[in-house]
N, C-alpha and C. Protein backbone atom coordinates (compact mmCIF):
# COMPACT_ATOMS: atom_id res chain seq x y z
N TYR A 1 172.49 -87.50 186.97
CA TYR A 1 172.52 -88.22 188.33
C TYR A 1 172.56 -89.94 187.87
N GLU A 2 173.09 -90.68 188.76
CA GLU A 2 173.16 -91.87 188.41
C GLU A 2 172.53 -92.80 189.71
N ILE A 3 172.11 -93.88 189.53
CA ILE A 3 171.38 -94.91 190.46
C ILE A 3 172.63 -95.65 191.12
N GLU A 4 172.88 -95.49 192.43
CA GLU A 4 174.03 -96.53 192.98
C GLU A 4 173.52 -97.66 192.98
N ASP A 5 174.69 -98.81 192.84
CA ASP A 5 174.20 -100.21 192.65
C ASP A 5 174.23 -100.55 194.14
N VAL A 6 174.68 -100.31 195.24
CA VAL A 6 174.61 -100.91 196.32
C VAL A 6 173.29 -100.21 197.20
N THR A 7 173.31 -98.91 197.24
CA THR A 7 172.17 -98.21 197.91
C THR A 7 170.92 -98.05 197.20
N ASP A 8 171.26 -98.06 195.73
CA ASP A 8 169.82 -98.07 194.92
C ASP A 8 169.24 -96.26 195.08
N ARG A 9 170.15 -95.64 195.41
CA ARG A 9 169.69 -94.34 195.60
C ARG A 9 170.34 -93.36 194.32
N PRO A 10 169.79 -92.11 193.98
CA PRO A 10 170.02 -91.46 193.15
C PRO A 10 171.31 -90.49 193.53
N ARG A 11 172.38 -90.46 192.90
CA ARG A 11 173.72 -89.57 193.24
C ARG A 11 174.01 -88.70 192.33
N GLU A 12 173.70 -87.51 192.63
CA GLU A 12 173.87 -86.20 191.58
C GLU A 12 175.45 -86.05 191.17
N PHE A 13 175.25 -85.77 189.78
CA PHE A 13 176.77 -85.33 189.35
C PHE A 13 177.28 -84.10 189.49
N VAL A 14 178.54 -83.72 189.86
CA VAL A 14 179.08 -82.41 190.19
C VAL A 14 179.51 -81.81 188.73
N ILE A 15 178.93 -80.50 188.60
CA ILE A 15 179.36 -79.97 187.27
C ILE A 15 180.59 -78.91 187.55
N ASP A 16 181.69 -79.81 187.74
CA ASP A 16 182.99 -79.12 188.05
C ASP A 16 184.11 -80.01 187.39
N PRO A 17 184.79 -79.53 186.28
CA PRO A 17 185.78 -80.40 185.78
C PRO A 17 186.82 -81.17 186.37
N ARG A 18 186.98 -80.70 187.80
CA ARG A 18 187.85 -81.28 188.67
C ARG A 18 187.51 -82.42 189.39
N ASP A 19 186.02 -82.85 189.25
CA ASP A 19 185.32 -83.67 190.12
C ASP A 19 185.27 -84.90 189.19
N GLU A 20 185.64 -86.07 189.72
CA GLU A 20 185.70 -87.24 188.95
C GLU A 20 184.08 -87.67 188.20
N SER A 21 183.17 -87.12 188.65
CA SER A 21 182.03 -87.42 188.18
C SER A 21 181.49 -86.52 186.97
N TYR A 22 182.57 -85.65 186.70
CA TYR A 22 182.33 -84.52 185.46
C TYR A 22 181.99 -85.21 184.16
N ARG A 23 182.80 -86.20 183.81
CA ARG A 23 182.81 -86.94 182.71
C ARG A 23 181.56 -87.53 182.51
N LYS A 24 180.80 -88.01 183.66
CA LYS A 24 179.56 -88.72 183.31
C LYS A 24 178.65 -87.58 183.26
N PHE A 25 178.76 -86.37 183.83
CA PHE A 25 177.74 -85.45 183.64
C PHE A 25 177.75 -85.06 182.16
N ARG A 26 178.96 -84.91 181.37
CA ARG A 26 179.00 -84.63 180.07
C ARG A 26 178.47 -85.69 179.21
N LEU A 27 178.62 -86.84 179.49
CA LEU A 27 177.89 -87.95 178.80
C LEU A 27 176.37 -87.88 178.86
N LYS A 28 175.89 -87.64 179.94
CA LYS A 28 174.52 -87.52 180.24
C LYS A 28 173.95 -86.26 179.63
N LEU A 29 174.76 -85.32 179.53
CA LEU A 29 174.23 -84.15 178.95
C LEU A 29 174.36 -84.38 177.20
N ASP A 30 175.14 -85.18 176.75
CA ASP A 30 175.06 -85.58 175.43
C ASP A 30 173.99 -86.53 175.16
N ASP A 31 173.63 -87.36 175.89
CA ASP A 31 172.38 -88.38 175.88
C ASP A 31 171.09 -87.41 175.89
N LEU A 32 171.05 -86.28 176.61
CA LEU A 32 169.92 -85.40 176.51
C LEU A 32 169.88 -84.79 175.30
N ALA A 33 170.87 -84.30 174.51
CA ALA A 33 170.92 -83.62 173.22
C ALA A 33 170.22 -84.51 172.28
N TYR A 34 170.75 -85.98 172.27
CA TYR A 34 170.06 -86.85 171.50
C TYR A 34 168.70 -87.14 171.75
N GLU A 35 168.29 -87.08 172.93
CA GLU A 35 166.80 -87.34 173.10
C GLU A 35 166.02 -86.31 172.46
N ILE A 36 166.47 -84.71 172.95
CA ILE A 36 165.86 -84.02 172.12
C ILE A 36 165.62 -83.91 170.43
N SER A 37 166.99 -84.23 169.90
CA SER A 37 167.03 -84.44 168.62
C SER A 37 166.00 -85.58 167.91
N ASP A 38 165.97 -86.69 168.85
CA ASP A 38 165.09 -87.60 168.52
C ASP A 38 163.50 -87.31 168.71
N LEU A 39 163.22 -86.66 169.67
CA LEU A 39 161.73 -85.95 169.92
C LEU A 39 161.31 -85.03 168.83
N THR A 40 162.44 -84.16 168.54
CA THR A 40 162.06 -83.17 167.15
C THR A 40 161.77 -84.15 165.81
N LYS A 41 162.62 -85.18 165.68
CA LYS A 41 162.13 -85.87 164.52
C LYS A 41 160.97 -86.61 164.48
N VAL A 42 160.57 -87.12 165.78
CA VAL A 42 159.18 -87.76 165.98
C VAL A 42 158.25 -86.79 165.76
N ILE A 43 158.24 -85.35 166.10
CA ILE A 43 157.36 -84.48 165.96
C ILE A 43 157.28 -84.20 164.48
N ARG A 44 158.27 -84.01 163.86
CA ARG A 44 158.51 -83.75 162.53
C ARG A 44 157.69 -84.65 161.49
N ASN A 45 158.20 -86.13 161.97
CA ASN A 45 157.46 -87.32 161.18
C ASN A 45 156.02 -87.36 161.28
N ARG A 46 155.41 -86.97 162.50
CA ARG A 46 153.95 -86.87 162.80
C ARG A 46 153.40 -86.11 161.75
N LYS A 47 154.15 -84.91 161.63
CA LYS A 47 153.45 -83.83 160.66
C LYS A 47 153.44 -84.16 159.42
N LEU A 48 154.49 -84.89 158.99
CA LEU A 48 154.48 -85.15 157.54
C LEU A 48 153.80 -86.33 157.22
N GLU A 49 153.21 -87.14 158.36
CA GLU A 49 152.23 -88.10 158.22
C GLU A 49 150.89 -87.58 157.86
N GLN A 50 150.55 -86.52 158.62
CA GLN A 50 149.34 -85.86 158.59
C GLN A 50 149.00 -85.50 157.02
N VAL A 51 150.12 -84.85 156.58
CA VAL A 51 149.88 -84.27 154.98
C VAL A 51 150.12 -85.46 154.01
N GLY A 52 150.52 -86.73 154.36
CA GLY A 52 150.61 -88.02 153.56
C GLY A 52 151.94 -88.22 152.90
N THR A 53 153.19 -87.66 153.46
CA THR A 53 154.57 -87.67 153.23
C THR A 53 154.97 -88.79 154.15
N PRO A 54 155.70 -89.67 153.29
CA PRO A 54 156.31 -90.93 154.03
C PRO A 54 157.16 -90.28 154.91
N SER A 55 157.35 -91.01 156.31
CA SER A 55 158.03 -90.62 157.51
C SER A 55 159.47 -91.43 157.67
N GLY A 56 159.64 -92.53 156.66
CA GLY A 56 161.03 -93.14 157.10
C GLY A 56 160.69 -94.51 157.28
N SER A 57 161.73 -95.45 157.15
CA SER A 57 161.77 -96.85 157.12
C SER A 57 161.75 -97.33 158.79
N SER A 58 160.95 -98.21 158.91
CA SER A 58 161.07 -98.82 160.32
C SER A 58 162.24 -99.82 160.66
N GLY A 59 163.05 -100.06 159.60
CA GLY A 59 164.18 -100.87 159.61
C GLY A 59 165.21 -100.09 160.31
N ASP A 60 165.36 -98.86 160.63
CA ASP A 60 166.18 -98.31 161.51
C ASP A 60 166.17 -97.91 163.06
N PHE A 61 165.25 -99.00 163.41
CA PHE A 61 164.91 -99.25 164.89
C PHE A 61 165.76 -100.23 165.36
N ILE A 62 166.29 -100.09 166.56
CA ILE A 62 166.84 -101.14 167.30
C ILE A 62 166.45 -101.33 168.74
N TYR A 63 165.93 -102.63 169.12
CA TYR A 63 165.51 -102.94 170.38
C TYR A 63 166.69 -103.24 171.20
N LEU A 64 166.78 -102.25 172.10
CA LEU A 64 167.89 -102.48 173.34
C LEU A 64 166.98 -102.59 174.61
N ALA A 65 167.02 -103.82 175.00
CA ALA A 65 166.09 -104.18 176.29
C ALA A 65 166.46 -103.20 177.51
N THR A 66 165.53 -103.20 178.39
CA THR A 66 165.70 -102.72 179.54
C THR A 66 166.53 -103.53 180.38
N VAL A 67 167.45 -103.09 181.41
CA VAL A 67 168.21 -103.71 182.19
C VAL A 67 168.09 -103.40 183.57
N THR A 68 169.08 -104.29 184.22
CA THR A 68 169.06 -103.97 185.88
C THR A 68 170.20 -102.77 186.23
N SER A 69 169.95 -102.19 187.26
CA SER A 69 170.86 -101.35 187.80
C SER A 69 172.32 -101.50 187.57
N ASP A 70 172.71 -102.64 187.79
CA ASP A 70 174.25 -102.92 187.47
C ASP A 70 174.59 -102.73 185.95
N LEU A 71 173.75 -102.64 185.09
CA LEU A 71 174.18 -102.46 183.73
C LEU A 71 173.65 -101.24 183.05
N LEU A 72 173.17 -100.35 183.99
CA LEU A 72 172.71 -99.21 183.12
C LEU A 72 173.75 -98.39 182.43
N GLU A 73 175.23 -98.31 182.89
CA GLU A 73 176.21 -97.65 182.23
C GLU A 73 176.16 -98.30 180.85
N ALA A 74 176.53 -99.55 181.20
CA ALA A 74 176.66 -100.41 179.68
C ALA A 74 175.72 -100.19 178.81
N ARG A 75 174.47 -100.01 179.33
CA ARG A 75 173.40 -99.73 178.20
C ARG A 75 173.40 -98.30 177.52
N ASP A 76 173.70 -97.58 178.55
CA ASP A 76 173.71 -96.03 178.03
C ASP A 76 174.86 -96.11 176.94
N GLN A 77 175.89 -96.62 176.96
CA GLN A 77 177.21 -96.59 176.15
C GLN A 77 176.70 -97.35 174.93
N ILE A 78 175.95 -98.29 174.82
CA ILE A 78 175.54 -99.10 173.49
C ILE A 78 174.50 -97.99 173.00
N GLN A 79 173.63 -97.54 173.65
CA GLN A 79 172.44 -96.65 173.26
C GLN A 79 173.14 -95.42 172.58
N ARG A 80 174.22 -94.77 173.33
CA ARG A 80 174.78 -93.61 172.52
C ARG A 80 175.54 -94.00 171.46
N GLU A 81 176.23 -95.18 171.26
CA GLU A 81 176.73 -95.58 169.89
C GLU A 81 175.99 -95.71 168.86
N LEU A 82 174.56 -96.34 169.13
CA LEU A 82 173.66 -96.71 168.07
C LEU A 82 172.95 -95.37 167.48
N ARG A 83 172.84 -94.28 168.47
CA ARG A 83 172.15 -93.36 167.98
C ARG A 83 173.40 -92.25 167.34
N GLN A 84 174.38 -92.36 167.78
CA GLN A 84 175.41 -91.75 166.89
C GLN A 84 175.53 -92.31 165.46
N ARG A 85 175.27 -93.39 165.35
CA ARG A 85 175.08 -93.95 163.88
C ARG A 85 173.76 -93.89 163.27
N GLY A 86 172.96 -93.24 163.86
CA GLY A 86 171.79 -92.74 163.21
C GLY A 86 170.69 -93.96 163.24
N TYR A 87 170.65 -94.78 164.44
CA TYR A 87 169.69 -95.57 164.69
C TYR A 87 168.79 -95.04 165.73
N ALA A 88 167.56 -95.52 165.60
CA ALA A 88 166.54 -95.02 166.72
C ALA A 88 166.40 -96.31 167.86
N VAL A 89 166.53 -95.98 169.13
CA VAL A 89 166.43 -97.11 170.15
C VAL A 89 165.05 -97.18 170.73
N LEU A 90 164.62 -98.46 170.94
CA LEU A 90 163.53 -98.74 171.57
C LEU A 90 163.93 -99.78 172.53
N PRO A 91 162.93 -99.64 173.65
CA PRO A 91 161.90 -98.87 174.16
C PRO A 91 162.41 -97.51 174.32
N ASP A 92 161.45 -96.42 173.94
CA ASP A 92 162.00 -95.02 174.04
C ASP A 92 161.44 -94.50 175.33
N LYS A 93 160.83 -95.22 176.22
CA LYS A 93 160.04 -94.69 177.29
C LYS A 93 160.14 -95.81 178.32
N PRO A 94 159.95 -95.61 179.62
CA PRO A 94 160.06 -96.68 180.68
C PRO A 94 158.77 -97.79 180.33
N LEU A 95 159.23 -99.18 180.56
CA LEU A 95 158.26 -100.07 180.31
C LEU A 95 157.28 -100.09 181.35
N PRO A 96 155.82 -100.49 180.97
CA PRO A 96 154.90 -100.52 182.10
C PRO A 96 155.22 -101.59 183.02
N LEU A 97 154.60 -101.67 184.15
CA LEU A 97 155.18 -102.80 185.22
C LEU A 97 153.75 -103.49 185.48
N ASN A 98 152.93 -103.72 184.77
CA ASN A 98 151.73 -104.41 184.96
C ASN A 98 151.87 -105.59 183.46
N ALA A 99 151.47 -106.67 183.98
CA ALA A 99 151.94 -108.01 182.89
C ALA A 99 151.33 -107.44 181.26
N GLY A 100 149.99 -107.13 181.30
CA GLY A 100 149.33 -106.90 179.94
C GLY A 100 150.03 -105.88 179.26
N ASP A 101 150.01 -104.41 179.73
CA ASP A 101 150.85 -103.49 179.04
C ASP A 101 152.19 -103.79 178.75
N PHE A 102 152.90 -104.52 179.64
CA PHE A 102 154.39 -104.77 179.39
C PHE A 102 154.48 -105.46 178.19
N GLU A 103 153.83 -106.47 178.01
CA GLU A 103 153.80 -107.78 176.95
C GLU A 103 153.46 -106.87 175.56
N ASN A 104 152.34 -106.05 175.65
CA ASN A 104 152.14 -105.43 174.44
C ASN A 104 153.05 -104.32 173.91
N THR A 105 153.49 -103.56 174.86
CA THR A 105 154.62 -102.66 174.63
C THR A 105 155.77 -103.08 173.75
N VAL A 106 156.39 -104.46 174.57
CA VAL A 106 157.64 -104.91 174.04
C VAL A 106 157.23 -105.82 172.58
N ARG A 107 156.13 -106.43 172.62
CA ARG A 107 155.82 -106.78 171.10
C ARG A 107 155.90 -105.86 170.08
N GLU A 108 155.08 -104.60 170.30
CA GLU A 108 155.18 -103.65 169.37
C GLU A 108 156.41 -103.14 169.05
N ALA A 109 157.27 -102.88 169.98
CA ALA A 109 158.71 -102.37 169.81
C ALA A 109 159.40 -103.55 169.02
N LEU A 110 159.26 -104.63 169.19
CA LEU A 110 160.08 -105.79 168.55
C LEU A 110 159.61 -105.89 167.06
N GLU A 111 158.45 -105.74 166.72
CA GLU A 111 157.88 -105.72 165.55
C GLU A 111 158.52 -104.58 164.53
N ARG A 112 158.86 -103.46 165.16
CA ARG A 112 159.44 -102.35 164.39
C ARG A 112 161.17 -102.53 164.38
N SER A 113 161.70 -103.45 165.00
CA SER A 113 163.07 -103.27 165.10
C SER A 113 163.74 -104.37 164.16
N LYS A 114 164.89 -103.94 163.97
CA LYS A 114 165.69 -105.07 162.83
C LYS A 114 166.70 -105.74 163.69
N LEU A 115 166.88 -105.46 164.88
CA LEU A 115 168.01 -106.23 165.86
C LEU A 115 167.33 -106.08 167.43
N SER A 116 167.55 -107.12 168.11
CA SER A 116 167.09 -107.12 169.46
C SER A 116 168.57 -107.36 170.37
N ILE A 117 168.78 -106.48 171.24
CA ILE A 117 169.95 -106.47 172.18
C ILE A 117 169.71 -106.62 173.68
N HIS A 118 170.21 -107.57 174.26
CA HIS A 118 169.76 -108.10 175.71
C HIS A 118 170.91 -107.94 176.71
N LEU A 119 171.34 -107.01 177.64
CA LEU A 119 172.37 -107.09 178.14
C LEU A 119 172.18 -107.84 179.67
N LEU A 120 172.63 -109.14 179.92
CA LEU A 120 172.44 -109.80 181.31
C LEU A 120 173.29 -109.62 182.39
N GLY A 121 172.75 -109.04 183.48
CA GLY A 121 174.06 -108.85 184.58
C GLY A 121 173.55 -109.77 185.94
N LYS A 122 174.17 -109.14 186.73
CA LYS A 122 174.06 -110.24 188.07
C LYS A 122 172.87 -109.96 188.92
N GLN A 123 172.06 -109.29 188.72
CA GLN A 123 170.68 -108.96 189.15
C GLN A 123 169.65 -109.71 188.41
N TYR A 124 168.68 -110.18 189.09
CA TYR A 124 167.59 -110.65 188.49
C TYR A 124 166.56 -109.74 187.81
N GLY A 125 166.61 -108.77 188.47
CA GLY A 125 165.56 -107.64 188.20
C GLY A 125 164.10 -107.56 188.49
N ILE A 126 163.31 -106.41 188.30
CA ILE A 126 162.11 -106.16 188.88
C ILE A 126 161.11 -107.20 188.19
N ILE A 127 160.23 -107.76 188.85
CA ILE A 127 158.97 -108.54 188.29
C ILE A 127 157.83 -107.84 188.20
N PRO A 128 157.18 -107.56 186.94
CA PRO A 128 155.95 -106.93 186.85
C PRO A 128 154.78 -107.39 187.49
N GLU A 129 153.65 -106.44 187.75
CA GLU A 129 152.32 -106.94 188.57
C GLU A 129 151.98 -108.12 187.57
N GLY A 130 151.44 -109.03 188.39
CA GLY A 130 150.76 -110.25 187.66
C GLY A 130 151.73 -111.29 186.84
N GLU A 131 152.92 -111.06 187.19
CA GLU A 131 153.90 -112.05 186.56
C GLU A 131 154.98 -112.67 187.41
N ASN A 132 155.56 -113.84 186.92
CA ASN A 132 156.51 -114.32 187.95
C ASN A 132 158.05 -114.37 187.23
N ARG A 133 158.15 -113.68 186.22
CA ARG A 133 159.47 -113.44 185.48
C ARG A 133 159.83 -112.03 185.65
N SER A 134 161.21 -111.67 185.74
CA SER A 134 161.45 -110.45 185.53
C SER A 134 161.38 -109.87 184.44
N ILE A 135 161.60 -108.52 184.27
CA ILE A 135 161.46 -107.80 182.99
C ILE A 135 162.49 -108.24 182.27
N VAL A 136 163.77 -108.63 182.54
CA VAL A 136 164.70 -108.81 181.85
C VAL A 136 164.68 -110.16 181.11
N GLN A 137 164.27 -111.16 181.92
CA GLN A 137 163.89 -112.59 181.49
C GLN A 137 162.74 -112.51 180.44
N TRP A 138 161.82 -111.73 180.79
CA TRP A 138 160.50 -111.61 179.94
C TRP A 138 160.72 -110.96 178.61
N GLN A 139 161.66 -110.15 178.42
CA GLN A 139 162.00 -109.37 177.04
C GLN A 139 162.97 -110.35 176.37
N VAL A 140 163.69 -111.20 176.99
CA VAL A 140 164.49 -112.30 176.19
C VAL A 140 163.25 -113.21 175.55
N GLU A 141 162.43 -113.76 176.31
CA GLU A 141 161.52 -114.79 175.74
C GLU A 141 160.52 -114.31 174.89
N LEU A 142 160.42 -113.02 174.95
CA LEU A 142 159.32 -112.38 174.05
C LEU A 142 160.05 -112.17 172.74
N ALA A 143 161.47 -111.87 172.74
CA ALA A 143 162.15 -111.72 171.49
C ALA A 143 162.44 -113.04 170.97
N ASN A 144 162.46 -114.07 171.66
CA ASN A 144 162.64 -115.59 171.06
C ASN A 144 161.50 -116.04 170.46
N ALA A 145 160.35 -115.76 171.03
CA ALA A 145 159.20 -116.07 170.59
C ALA A 145 158.80 -115.10 169.26
N TYR A 146 159.11 -114.04 169.15
CA TYR A 146 158.76 -113.32 167.96
C TYR A 146 159.77 -113.78 167.06
N SER A 147 160.81 -114.05 167.31
CA SER A 147 161.97 -114.60 166.03
C SER A 147 161.54 -115.98 165.47
N LYS A 148 160.55 -116.57 166.16
CA LYS A 148 160.13 -117.91 165.41
C LYS A 148 159.03 -117.66 164.12
N SER A 149 158.56 -116.64 164.19
CA SER A 149 157.55 -116.04 163.15
C SER A 149 158.30 -115.18 162.46
N ARG A 150 159.17 -114.23 162.64
CA ARG A 150 159.85 -113.48 161.73
C ARG A 150 161.38 -113.36 162.30
N GLU A 151 162.02 -113.50 161.33
CA GLU A 151 163.76 -113.58 161.61
C GLU A 151 164.15 -112.26 162.08
N LEU A 152 164.56 -112.41 163.56
CA LEU A 152 164.82 -111.19 164.43
C LEU A 152 166.15 -111.63 164.96
N PRO A 153 167.31 -111.01 164.40
CA PRO A 153 168.59 -111.10 164.81
C PRO A 153 168.78 -110.76 166.34
N ARG A 154 169.07 -111.67 167.43
CA ARG A 154 169.24 -111.33 168.68
C ARG A 154 170.70 -111.43 169.32
N VAL A 155 171.23 -110.43 170.16
CA VAL A 155 172.52 -110.39 170.80
C VAL A 155 172.21 -110.17 172.11
N LEU A 156 172.71 -111.37 172.97
CA LEU A 156 172.79 -111.38 174.29
C LEU A 156 174.17 -111.59 174.78
N TRP A 157 174.26 -110.47 175.97
CA TRP A 157 175.61 -110.18 176.38
C TRP A 157 175.58 -110.47 177.82
N VAL A 158 176.77 -111.14 178.31
CA VAL A 158 176.91 -111.31 179.78
C VAL A 158 178.37 -110.79 179.83
N PRO A 159 178.61 -109.88 180.84
CA PRO A 159 179.95 -109.25 181.16
C PRO A 159 180.76 -110.64 181.46
N PRO A 160 181.88 -110.55 181.17
CA PRO A 160 183.01 -111.73 181.49
C PRO A 160 183.07 -111.77 182.96
N GLY A 161 183.23 -112.94 183.33
CA GLY A 161 183.29 -113.33 184.88
C GLY A 161 182.28 -112.94 185.98
N LEU A 162 181.27 -112.85 185.20
CA LEU A 162 179.94 -112.39 185.96
C LEU A 162 179.76 -113.70 186.97
N LYS A 163 179.21 -113.08 187.98
CA LYS A 163 178.69 -114.01 189.23
C LYS A 163 177.32 -113.56 189.70
N PRO A 164 176.15 -114.31 189.31
CA PRO A 164 174.82 -113.87 189.44
C PRO A 164 174.62 -113.51 191.15
N ALA A 165 173.90 -112.80 191.54
CA ALA A 165 173.49 -112.31 192.87
C ALA A 165 172.72 -113.27 193.49
N ASP A 166 171.90 -114.02 192.78
CA ASP A 166 171.07 -114.99 193.38
C ASP A 166 170.72 -116.12 192.61
N GLN A 167 169.91 -117.14 193.00
CA GLN A 167 169.82 -118.37 192.39
C GLN A 167 168.80 -118.12 191.37
N ARG A 168 167.94 -117.17 191.26
CA ARG A 168 166.98 -116.97 190.29
C ARG A 168 167.86 -116.86 188.69
N GLN A 169 168.74 -115.61 189.03
CA GLN A 169 169.44 -115.22 187.92
C GLN A 169 170.49 -116.21 187.55
N GLU A 170 171.17 -117.15 188.57
CA GLU A 170 171.98 -118.19 188.02
C GLU A 170 171.10 -119.28 187.19
N VAL A 171 169.87 -119.35 187.46
CA VAL A 171 169.02 -120.39 186.77
C VAL A 171 168.78 -119.80 185.39
N PHE A 172 168.57 -118.41 185.43
CA PHE A 172 168.06 -117.73 184.05
C PHE A 172 169.26 -117.79 183.19
N LEU A 173 170.47 -117.62 183.65
CA LEU A 173 171.59 -117.30 182.82
C LEU A 173 171.84 -118.85 182.36
N THR A 174 171.87 -119.84 182.96
CA THR A 174 171.76 -121.18 182.70
C THR A 174 171.11 -121.69 181.49
N SER A 175 169.91 -121.25 181.61
CA SER A 175 168.81 -121.58 180.55
C SER A 175 169.15 -120.86 179.22
N VAL A 176 169.56 -119.65 179.36
CA VAL A 176 170.15 -118.94 178.22
C VAL A 176 171.16 -119.44 177.51
N ARG A 177 172.15 -119.95 178.37
CA ARG A 177 173.30 -120.65 177.67
C ARG A 177 172.94 -121.94 176.89
N SER A 178 171.94 -122.75 177.69
CA SER A 178 171.69 -124.04 176.87
C SER A 178 170.60 -124.13 176.19
N GLU A 179 169.35 -123.00 176.08
CA GLU A 179 168.35 -123.01 175.70
C GLU A 179 168.16 -122.15 174.59
N VAL A 180 168.69 -121.03 174.48
CA VAL A 180 168.56 -119.70 173.75
C VAL A 180 169.86 -119.47 172.61
N ALA A 181 171.17 -119.62 173.27
CA ALA A 181 172.28 -119.11 172.47
C ALA A 181 172.34 -120.04 171.17
N GLY A 182 172.63 -119.65 169.93
CA GLY A 182 172.87 -120.40 169.04
C GLY A 182 171.54 -120.71 168.15
N LYS A 183 170.53 -120.46 168.80
CA LYS A 183 169.16 -121.05 168.13
C LYS A 183 168.27 -119.76 167.51
N ASP A 184 167.87 -119.83 166.44
CA ASP A 184 166.84 -118.90 165.93
C ASP A 184 167.45 -117.75 165.78
N GLY A 185 168.99 -117.56 165.39
CA GLY A 185 169.53 -116.20 165.18
C GLY A 185 169.96 -115.42 166.54
N ALA A 186 170.00 -116.18 167.59
CA ALA A 186 170.44 -115.60 168.78
C ALA A 186 172.23 -115.99 168.77
N GLU A 187 172.69 -115.03 169.41
CA GLU A 187 174.05 -115.04 169.74
C GLU A 187 174.37 -114.55 171.28
N LEU A 188 175.04 -115.30 171.81
CA LEU A 188 175.55 -115.09 173.32
C LEU A 188 176.95 -114.57 173.19
N ILE A 189 177.06 -113.40 173.82
CA ILE A 189 178.50 -112.82 173.81
C ILE A 189 178.85 -112.69 175.18
N ASP A 190 180.12 -113.10 175.35
CA ASP A 190 181.01 -113.01 176.58
C ASP A 190 182.30 -112.29 176.31
N ALA A 191 182.29 -111.11 176.29
CA ALA A 191 183.35 -109.94 176.07
C ALA A 191 182.99 -108.93 176.83
N ASN A 192 183.97 -107.89 176.62
CA ASN A 192 183.94 -106.61 177.14
C ASN A 192 183.01 -105.57 176.22
N VAL A 193 182.48 -104.58 176.87
CA VAL A 193 181.62 -103.62 176.09
C VAL A 193 182.10 -103.23 174.79
N GLU A 194 183.45 -102.77 174.41
CA GLU A 194 183.93 -102.39 173.40
C GLU A 194 183.84 -103.35 172.27
N GLN A 195 184.14 -104.44 172.60
CA GLN A 195 184.04 -105.72 171.80
C GLN A 195 182.63 -105.80 171.29
N LEU A 196 181.61 -105.90 172.34
CA LEU A 196 180.52 -105.93 172.09
C LEU A 196 179.71 -104.99 170.99
N LYS A 197 180.08 -103.60 171.18
CA LYS A 197 179.94 -102.47 170.21
C LYS A 197 180.20 -102.91 168.89
N THR A 198 181.62 -103.55 168.64
CA THR A 198 181.94 -103.84 167.44
C THR A 198 181.22 -105.06 166.91
N ILE A 199 180.55 -106.20 167.61
CA ILE A 199 179.92 -107.30 167.12
C ILE A 199 178.55 -106.60 166.71
N ILE A 200 177.85 -105.74 167.26
CA ILE A 200 176.86 -105.09 167.05
C ILE A 200 176.65 -104.38 165.70
N GLN A 201 177.88 -103.88 165.42
CA GLN A 201 177.92 -103.01 164.29
C GLN A 201 178.20 -104.05 163.14
N ASP A 202 178.94 -104.99 163.47
CA ASP A 202 178.95 -106.15 162.37
C ASP A 202 177.65 -106.64 161.97
N LYS A 203 176.93 -106.75 162.80
CA LYS A 203 175.50 -107.32 162.60
C LYS A 203 174.62 -106.13 161.74
N LEU A 204 174.86 -104.99 162.16
CA LEU A 204 174.03 -104.12 161.37
C LEU A 204 174.48 -103.76 160.08
N ASN A 205 175.94 -103.97 159.88
CA ASN A 205 176.51 -103.78 158.80
C ASN A 205 177.32 -104.88 158.03
N PRO A 206 176.72 -105.93 157.75
CA PRO A 206 177.55 -107.20 157.34
C PRO A 206 178.27 -106.72 156.09
N ALA A 207 179.51 -107.51 156.21
CA ALA A 207 180.42 -107.19 154.77
C ALA A 207 179.65 -107.84 153.45
């Protein structure tokens, strides 16, 4: 299923090749296969760690920030591309919605990652308990703060022609353009999703 942008309700896909939602069903089924594959690797690595065998490099992790409902499909595309190229994507579970646990979870994920990707849409997003920033804005700020102590390349993407849905998001996007873009390894991208994929791969595999 997918969450409808307007009604915020789940809409189930039809498992019929003649229906327009069948393509999305196949993509979600493909995502599920990768989820199962990733889980089996985690289980195997934990067993190897128990017998003292190295489980792999933390450099293979990419932080792909949680997004608002209007960008779920774009995030799925990026996540699918990264997994097909052998990268593990973090966060690998829903982020906590209370301030303390949220910050700790994001920081731990950033420490394991070699690149941080943030997709910024028209919606401002959910605000965790005990906080006044949305989860989207806070992830950007945590990545910025972390990059000051350890070089962490960041890609921030805004869809072409985006019009913010409310003033909070407009203020946030303005601050990103003026205070974040071009600083401490942060790059702001205003292009379509396919171009964004190419830019991400260039950063992961520089010439």
